[in-house]
Each structure stands twice: as C-alpha cells, then as structure tokens.
Amino acid sequence: MNRVTLSIGLLFILVIATNLPEWLADDDIIPQTETESAWQPNYQASEMLSTLFDDEGRLSHQVFASKMEHFDLLGFTLFKQPQYTIFVESQTTPWQVSAKDGTLYEDNRIQLENNVEIRNQDEQGFARTIRTDFIEINLIEKTMESDQPVKIFGQHYVINSNGFKANLTTQQYELLDHVQTIYQPQP
C-alpha cells in the first residue's frame, strides 16, 4: 500500500470516528401535536356565548356552554353543557340542541354526547323532540346522524330507532334500524 492510499484511509477513519457519536445520537424529532403543550388548551371560557353568521350575513348558529376549552394544535374545541341554536334559512324557527358534552371540529362538525336533546321550535314540524346519547351534526349542511338508540317525539307519536339521519333544512328523516312506533291519535 502506498502512502497516498494509507493517508486517505486514515483521513476517512478519522472523519468517521469524529462524527460517529453525533450520527448515533438519539435526536428523535417529536411532532408538535405530541408534545405536552398540545394537550393544554390554548384558551378557556366560562359561561361562553358565541354567535356565528354565514357568508351572506345570515344568522347560522349560536352556542352557549358552561365551559369551553379550545385546542388549536389538535383542531377541536371541547364544551361542557353546550346549548346550540341552529338556524335554517328556509324556516323561521330554529332548532335547539343541548347535551352534557360536546366536541366541535375545525370542519364545523360537532359531536354531542350524553343526554342529547334536539328540539324543533316549529310547532307544526314533524319531529318536535329527538333524544339520544350521541349525535353528530354538520353545521354547514344542517344535517345530523346517530348510530345510537334514538327516540323521536311528534305531536301524537313516539318513534324508537337504533340510529337515524336527518336533514334539518328539508326535515327528512331516515331511520337506520326502526324498532317501534307508538301512535296515539287525538279526538
């Protein structure tokens, strides 16, 4: 072996030896959403009332909550005892939705859990009250759906179902697994 080859080999080994500890160091980059700060709310509110309007300036919905926590990095807002009022442009009376817990996502989808009650403020509407333990509402499309047991109360009837889909604008309801309907006509 000549001196040039031996010098290049030694230089190569020296470079590897000086950089090897740095290359082997465990520098895992932790994504920001997994850090402890992601689990801390960006802001909180008590007795919060918020009013939202659509692109044309019409009232879209209002929300009241006894407690609200917003998590910006995680992309959702948690509510305790939320009460939503959803305005549908084709109707003069809104829908009121209440629950024990709620989660609002960035895509204007809200999931409500525990003692969910939806009330139609229109006395002439097909469904007056809907009760379930879970419901997901799309606030843009004014639709809601649930895969849990649901009770729909009307003027003279009660419908029991395991899941349903509803469009608040058209007031069309689809029962996913109809269980029972009780009809009590009034004289």
C-alpha atoms as a PDB file:
ATOM      1  CA  MET A   1       0.000   0.000   0.000  1.00  0.00           C
ATOM      2  CA  ASN A   2       1.407   3.393  -0.860  1.00  0.00           C
ATOM      3  CA  ARG A   3       1.366   6.443   1.356  1.00  0.00           C
ATOM      4  CA  VAL A   4      -1.426   8.247  -0.540  1.00  0.00           C
ATOM      5  CA  THR A   5      -3.841   5.336  -0.126  1.00  0.00           C
ATOM      6  CA  LEU A   6      -2.886   4.959   3.531  1.00  0.00           C
ATOM      7  CA  SER A   7      -3.367   8.726   4.142  1.00  0.00           C
ATOM      8  CA  ILE A   8      -6.814   8.731   2.500  1.00  0.00           C
ATOM      9  CA  GLY A   9      -7.824   5.664   4.535  1.00  0.00           C
ATOM     10  CA  LEU A  10      -6.665   7.255   7.806  1.00  0.00           C
ATOM     11  CA  LEU A  11      -8.417  10.522   6.951  1.00  0.00           C
ATOM     12  CA  PHE A  12     -11.622   8.586   6.217  1.00  0.00           C
ATOM     13  CA  ILE A  13     -11.406   6.706   9.537  1.00  0.00           C
ATOM     14  CA  LEU A  14     -10.721   9.986  11.384  1.00  0.00           C
ATOM     15  CA  VAL A  15     -13.803  11.655   9.848  1.00  0.00           C
ATOM     16  CA  ILE A  16     -15.963   8.659  10.757  1.00  0.00           C
ATOM     17  CA  ALA A  17     -14.568   8.490  14.303  1.00  0.00           C
ATOM     18  CA  THR A  18     -15.183  12.194  14.984  1.00  0.00           C
ATOM     19  CA  ASN A  19     -18.731  12.207  13.553  1.00  0.00           C
ATOM     20  CA  LEU A  20     -19.903   8.774  14.719  1.00  0.00           C
ATOM     21  CA  PRO A  21     -21.164   9.898  18.170  1.00  0.00           C
ATOM     22  CA  GLU A  22     -23.175  12.693  16.559  1.00  0.00           C
ATOM     23  CA  TRP A  23     -24.678  10.332  13.975  1.00  0.00           C
ATOM     24  CA  LEU A  24     -25.617   7.782  16.623  1.00  0.00           C
ATOM     25  CA  ALA A  25     -27.188  10.345  18.973  1.00  0.00           C
ATOM     26  CA  ASP A  26     -30.918   9.829  19.511  1.00  0.00           C
ATOM     27  CA  ASP A  27     -32.302  13.103  18.200  1.00  0.00           C
ATOM     28  CA  ASP A  28     -35.879  11.992  17.542  1.00  0.00           C
ATOM     29  CA  ILE A  29     -37.929  14.936  16.447  1.00  0.00           C
ATOM     30  CA  ILE A  30     -41.165  14.939  18.421  1.00  0.00           C
ATOM     31  CA  PRO A  31     -44.087  16.258  16.418  1.00  0.00           C
ATOM     32  CA  GLN A  32     -45.625  19.322  17.957  1.00  0.00           C
ATOM     33  CA  THR A  33     -49.014  17.635  18.420  1.00  0.00           C
ATOM     34  CA  GLU A  34     -47.437  15.006  20.682  1.00  0.00           C
ATOM     35  CA  THR A  35     -45.823  17.483  23.000  1.00  0.00           C
ATOM     36  CA  GLU A  36     -47.305  18.234  26.358  1.00  0.00           C
ATOM     37  CA  SER A  37     -48.296  21.727  25.216  1.00  0.00           C
ATOM     38  CA  ALA A  38     -50.687  20.252  22.630  1.00  0.00           C
ATOM     39  CA  TRP A  39     -52.754  18.804  25.473  1.00  0.00           C
ATOM     40  CA  GLN A  40     -53.027  22.177  27.171  1.00  0.00           C
ATOM     41  CA  PRO A  41     -55.921  24.324  25.910  1.00  0.00           C
ATOM     42  CA  ASN A  42     -54.959  27.485  24.028  1.00  0.00           C
ATOM     43  CA  TYR A  43     -57.791  29.309  25.745  1.00  0.00           C
ATOM     44  CA  GLN A  44     -60.709  28.593  28.030  1.00  0.00           C
ATOM     45  CA  ALA A  45     -64.011  30.305  28.688  1.00  0.00           C
ATOM     46  CA  SER A  46     -66.777  30.002  31.241  1.00  0.00           C
ATOM     47  CA  GLU A  47     -70.406  30.863  30.512  1.00  0.00           C
ATOM     48  CA  MET A  48     -69.477  31.387  26.854  1.00  0.00           C
ATOM     49  CA  LEU A  49     -71.936  32.652  24.242  1.00  0.00           C
ATOM     50  CA  SER A  50     -70.916  32.778  20.585  1.00  0.00           C
ATOM     51  CA  THR A  51     -72.954  33.790  17.524  1.00  0.00           C
ATOM     52  CA  LEU A  52     -71.899  32.755  14.012  1.00  0.00           C
ATOM     53  CA  PHE A  53     -73.102  34.081  10.656  1.00  0.00           C
ATOM     54  CA  ASP A  54     -72.891  32.510   7.194  1.00  0.00           C
ATOM     55  CA  ASP A  55     -71.120  34.046   4.177  1.00  0.00           C
ATOM     56  CA  GLU A  56     -74.206  36.116   3.305  1.00  0.00           C
ATOM     57  CA  GLY A  57     -74.543  37.612   6.787  1.00  0.00           C
ATOM     58  CA  ARG A  58     -77.484  35.481   7.916  1.00  0.00           C
ATOM     59  CA  LEU A  59     -77.530  34.036  11.413  1.00  0.00           C
ATOM     60  CA  SER A  60     -76.220  30.458  11.175  1.00  0.00           C
ATOM     61  CA  HIS A  61     -75.979  29.236  14.764  1.00  0.00           C
ATOM     62  CA  GLN A  62     -75.371  30.265  18.342  1.00  0.00           C
ATOM     63  CA  VAL A  63     -73.667  28.281  21.050  1.00  0.00           C
ATOM     64  CA  PHE A  64     -73.722  28.656  24.797  1.00  0.00           C
ATOM     65  CA  ALA A  65     -71.579  26.486  27.087  1.00  0.00           C
ATOM     66  CA  SER A  66     -70.894  26.467  30.796  1.00  0.00           C
ATOM     67  CA  LYS A  67     -67.228  25.740  29.983  1.00  0.00           C
ATOM     68  CA  MET A  68     -65.222  25.758  26.739  1.00  0.00           C
ATOM     69  CA  GLU A  69     -61.621  24.707  26.028  1.00  0.00           C
ATOM     70  CA  HIS A  70     -60.013  25.247  22.606  1.00  0.00           C
ATOM     71  CA  PHE A  71     -57.070  23.090  21.481  1.00  0.00           C
ATOM     72  CA  ASP A  72     -55.574  24.763  18.415  1.00  0.00           C
ATOM     73  CA  LEU A  73     -52.865  22.168  17.668  1.00  0.00           C
ATOM     74  CA  LEU A  74     -55.307  19.278  17.981  1.00  0.00           C
ATOM     75  CA  GLY A  75     -58.007  21.023  15.925  1.00  0.00           C
ATOM     76  CA  PHE A  76     -61.030  20.857  18.210  1.00  0.00           C
ATOM     77  CA  THR A  77     -62.962  22.629  20.961  1.00  0.00           C
ATOM     78  CA  LEU A  78     -64.485  20.890  23.981  1.00  0.00           C
ATOM     79  CA  PHE A  79     -67.745  22.071  25.557  1.00  0.00           C
ATOM     80  CA  LYS A  80     -69.415  21.279  28.865  1.00  0.00           C
ATOM     81  CA  GLN A  81     -73.215  21.546  28.809  1.00  0.00           C
ATOM     82  CA  PRO A  82     -73.412  23.006  25.294  1.00  0.00           C
ATOM     83  CA  GLN A  83     -76.652  24.501  24.025  1.00  0.00           C
ATOM     84  CA  TYR A  84     -76.719  25.067  20.276  1.00  0.00           C
ATOM     85  CA  THR A  85     -79.332  27.043  18.381  1.00  0.00           C
ATOM     86  CA  ILE A  86     -79.222  26.138  14.689  1.00  0.00           C
ATOM     87  CA  PHE A  87     -80.935  28.465  12.236  1.00  0.00           C
ATOM     88  CA  VAL A  88     -82.143  27.017   8.936  1.00  0.00           C
ATOM     89  CA  GLU A  89     -82.719  29.644   6.233  1.00  0.00           C
ATOM     90  CA  SER A  90     -85.904  28.054   4.902  1.00  0.00           C
ATOM     91  CA  GLN A  91     -87.509  28.065   8.369  1.00  0.00           C
ATOM     92  CA  THR A  92     -88.411  30.921  10.653  1.00  0.00           C
ATOM     93  CA  THR A  93     -87.921  28.927  13.846  1.00  0.00           C
ATOM     94  CA  PRO A  94     -84.566  27.434  14.855  1.00  0.00           C
ATOM     95  CA  TRP A  95     -83.603  24.046  16.278  1.00  0.00           C
ATOM     96  CA  GLN A  96     -82.205  23.925  19.822  1.00  0.00           C
ATOM     97  CA  VAL A  97     -79.722  21.208  20.729  1.00  0.00           C
ATOM     98  CA  SER A  98     -78.400  20.515  24.218  1.00  0.00           C
ATOM     99  CA  ALA A  99     -76.129  17.858  25.719  1.00  0.00           C
ATOM    100  CA  LYS A 100     -73.831  17.195  28.619  1.00  0.00           C
ATOM    101  CA  ASP A 101     -70.624  17.159  26.495  1.00  0.00           C
ATOM    102  CA  GLY A 102     -69.685  18.343  23.029  1.00  0.00           C
ATOM    103  CA  THR A 103     -66.712  18.493  20.654  1.00  0.00           C
ATOM    104  CA  LEU A 104     -66.552  20.971  17.777  1.00  0.00           C
ATOM    105  CA  TYR A 105     -64.081  20.167  14.988  1.00  0.00           C
ATOM    106  CA  GLU A 106     -62.478  22.600  12.543  1.00  0.00           C
ATOM    107  CA  ASP A 107     -64.689  21.362   9.683  1.00  0.00           C
ATOM    108  CA  ASN A 108     -67.829  22.677  11.504  1.00  0.00           C
ATOM    109  CA  ARG A 109     -68.865  19.236  12.652  1.00  0.00           C
ATOM    110  CA  ILE A 110     -69.984  18.844  16.255  1.00  0.00           C
ATOM    111  CA  GLN A 111     -70.328  15.621  18.186  1.00  0.00           C
ATOM    112  CA  LEU A 112     -72.635  15.752  21.193  1.00  0.00           C
ATOM    113  CA  GLU A 113     -72.741  13.076  23.883  1.00  0.00           C
ATOM    114  CA  ASN A 114     -74.733  12.202  26.996  1.00  0.00           C
ATOM    115  CA  ASN A 115     -78.346  13.301  27.348  1.00  0.00           C
ATOM    116  CA  VAL A 116     -78.597  14.841  23.887  1.00  0.00           C
ATOM    117  CA  GLU A 117     -81.898  16.576  23.196  1.00  0.00           C
ATOM    118  CA  ILE A 118     -82.850  18.275  19.921  1.00  0.00           C
ATOM    119  CA  ARG A 119     -85.944  20.471  19.983  1.00  0.00           C
ATOM    120  CA  ASN A 120     -87.722  21.822  16.946  1.00  0.00           C
ATOM    121  CA  GLN A 121     -89.121  25.256  17.797  1.00  0.00           C
ATOM    122  CA  ASP A 122     -91.665  24.947  14.966  1.00  0.00           C
ATOM    123  CA  GLU A 123     -94.941  23.697  16.484  1.00  0.00           C
ATOM    124  CA  GLN A 124     -96.029  22.358  13.076  1.00  0.00           C
ATOM    125  CA  GLY A 125     -92.845  20.332  12.471  1.00  0.00           C
ATOM    126  CA  PHE A 126     -92.931  16.564  12.041  1.00  0.00           C
ATOM    127  CA  ALA A 127     -90.433  15.918  14.825  1.00  0.00           C
ATOM    128  CA  ARG A 128     -90.756  18.028  17.944  1.00  0.00           C
ATOM    129  CA  THR A 129     -88.060  16.455  20.134  1.00  0.00           C
ATOM    130  CA  ILE A 130     -85.279  13.943  19.462  1.00  0.00           C
ATOM    131  CA  ARG A 131     -83.379  12.263  22.303  1.00  0.00           C
ATOM    132  CA  THR A 132     -80.243  10.119  22.143  1.00  0.00           C
ATOM    133  CA  ASP A 133     -76.861   9.668  23.835  1.00  0.00           C
ATOM    134  CA  PHE A 134     -74.766  10.559  20.776  1.00  0.00           C
ATOM    135  CA  ILE A 135     -75.277  12.664  17.682  1.00  0.00           C
ATOM    136  CA  GLU A 136     -73.050  14.252  15.054  1.00  0.00           C
ATOM    137  CA  ILE A 137     -74.234  17.484  13.453  1.00  0.00           C
ATOM    138  CA  ASN A 138     -72.806  19.068  10.316  1.00  0.00           C
ATOM    139  CA  LEU A 139     -73.368  22.776  10.926  1.00  0.00           C
ATOM    140  CA  ILE A 140     -72.719  23.722   7.285  1.00  0.00           C
ATOM    141  CA  GLU A 141     -75.074  21.215   5.640  1.00  0.00           C
ATOM    142  CA  LYS A 142     -77.574  21.304   8.570  1.00  0.00           C
ATOM    143  CA  THR A 143     -77.623  17.505   8.814  1.00  0.00           C
ATOM    144  CA  MET A 144     -77.359  15.190  11.799  1.00  0.00           C
ATOM    145  CA  GLU A 145     -76.889  11.497  12.338  1.00  0.00           C
ATOM    146  CA  SER A 146     -76.540   8.961  15.114  1.00  0.00           C
ATOM    147  CA  ASP A 147     -75.829   5.247  15.350  1.00  0.00           C
ATOM    148  CA  GLN A 148     -77.159   5.054  18.925  1.00  0.00           C
ATOM    149  CA  PRO A 149     -80.734   4.386  20.144  1.00  0.00           C
ATOM    150  CA  VAL A 150     -82.927   7.376  19.291  1.00  0.00           C
ATOM    151  CA  LYS A 151     -86.421   8.482  20.366  1.00  0.00           C
ATOM    152  CA  ILE A 152     -88.299  10.873  18.095  1.00  0.00           C
ATOM    153  CA  PHE A 153     -91.330  12.562  19.619  1.00  0.00           C
ATOM    154  CA  GLY A 154     -94.037  14.089  17.444  1.00  0.00           C
ATOM    155  CA  GLN A 155     -97.444  15.523  18.172  1.00  0.00           C
ATOM    156  CA  HIS A 156     -99.191  12.143  18.539  1.00  0.00           C
ATOM    157  CA  TYR A 157     -96.413   9.555  18.250  1.00  0.00           C
ATOM    158  CA  VAL A 158     -93.076   8.259  19.552  1.00  0.00           C
ATOM    159  CA  ILE A 159     -90.605   6.525  17.227  1.00  0.00           C
ATOM    160  CA  ASN A 160     -87.824   4.320  18.613  1.00  0.00           C
ATOM    161  CA  SER A 161     -84.881   3.539  16.370  1.00  0.00           C
ATOM    162  CA  ASN A 162     -81.280   2.384  16.553  1.00  0.00           C
ATOM    163  CA  GLY A 163     -79.732   5.229  14.630  1.00  0.00           C
ATOM    164  CA  PHE A 164     -81.064   7.808  12.220  1.00  0.00           C
ATOM    165  CA  LYS A 165     -80.092  10.506   9.734  1.00  0.00           C
ATOM    166  CA  ALA A 166     -81.867  13.826   9.396  1.00  0.00           C
ATOM    167  CA  ASN A 167     -81.737  16.918   7.228  1.00  0.00           C
ATOM    168  CA  LEU A 168     -82.870  19.945   9.225  1.00  0.00           C
ATOM    169  CA  THR A 169     -83.482  22.043   6.125  1.00  0.00           C
ATOM    170  CA  THR A 170     -85.834  19.621   4.374  1.00  0.00           C
ATOM    171  CA  GLN A 171     -86.984  17.917   7.592  1.00  0.00           C
ATOM    172  CA  GLN A 172     -86.406  14.499   6.049  1.00  0.00           C
ATOM    173  CA  TYR A 173     -85.597  11.693   8.469  1.00  0.00           C
ATOM    174  CA  GLU A 174     -84.164   8.251   7.773  1.00  0.00           C
ATOM    175  CA  LEU A 175     -84.371   5.543  10.429  1.00  0.00           C
ATOM    176  CA  LEU A 176     -81.380   3.213  10.220  1.00  0.00           C
ATOM    177  CA  ASP A 177     -82.903   0.413  12.290  1.00  0.00           C
ATOM    178  CA  HIS A 178     -86.547   1.099  13.128  1.00  0.00           C
ATOM    179  CA  VAL A 179     -87.590  -0.581  16.384  1.00  0.00           C
ATOM    180  CA  GLN A 180     -91.078   0.646  17.250  1.00  0.00           C
ATOM    181  CA  THR A 181     -93.594   3.408  16.587  1.00  0.00           C
ATOM    182  CA  ILE A 182     -96.335   4.253  19.045  1.00  0.00           C
ATOM    183  CA  TYR A 183     -99.175   6.329  17.617  1.00  0.00           C
ATOM    184  CA  GLN A 184    -101.822   7.907  19.837  1.00  0.00           C
ATOM    185  CA  PRO A 185    -104.425   9.795  17.801  1.00  0.00           C
ATOM    186  CA  GLN A 186    -106.258  12.646  19.486  1.00  0.00           C
ATOM    187  CA  PRO A 187    -110.020  13.080  19.004  1.00  0.00           C
END
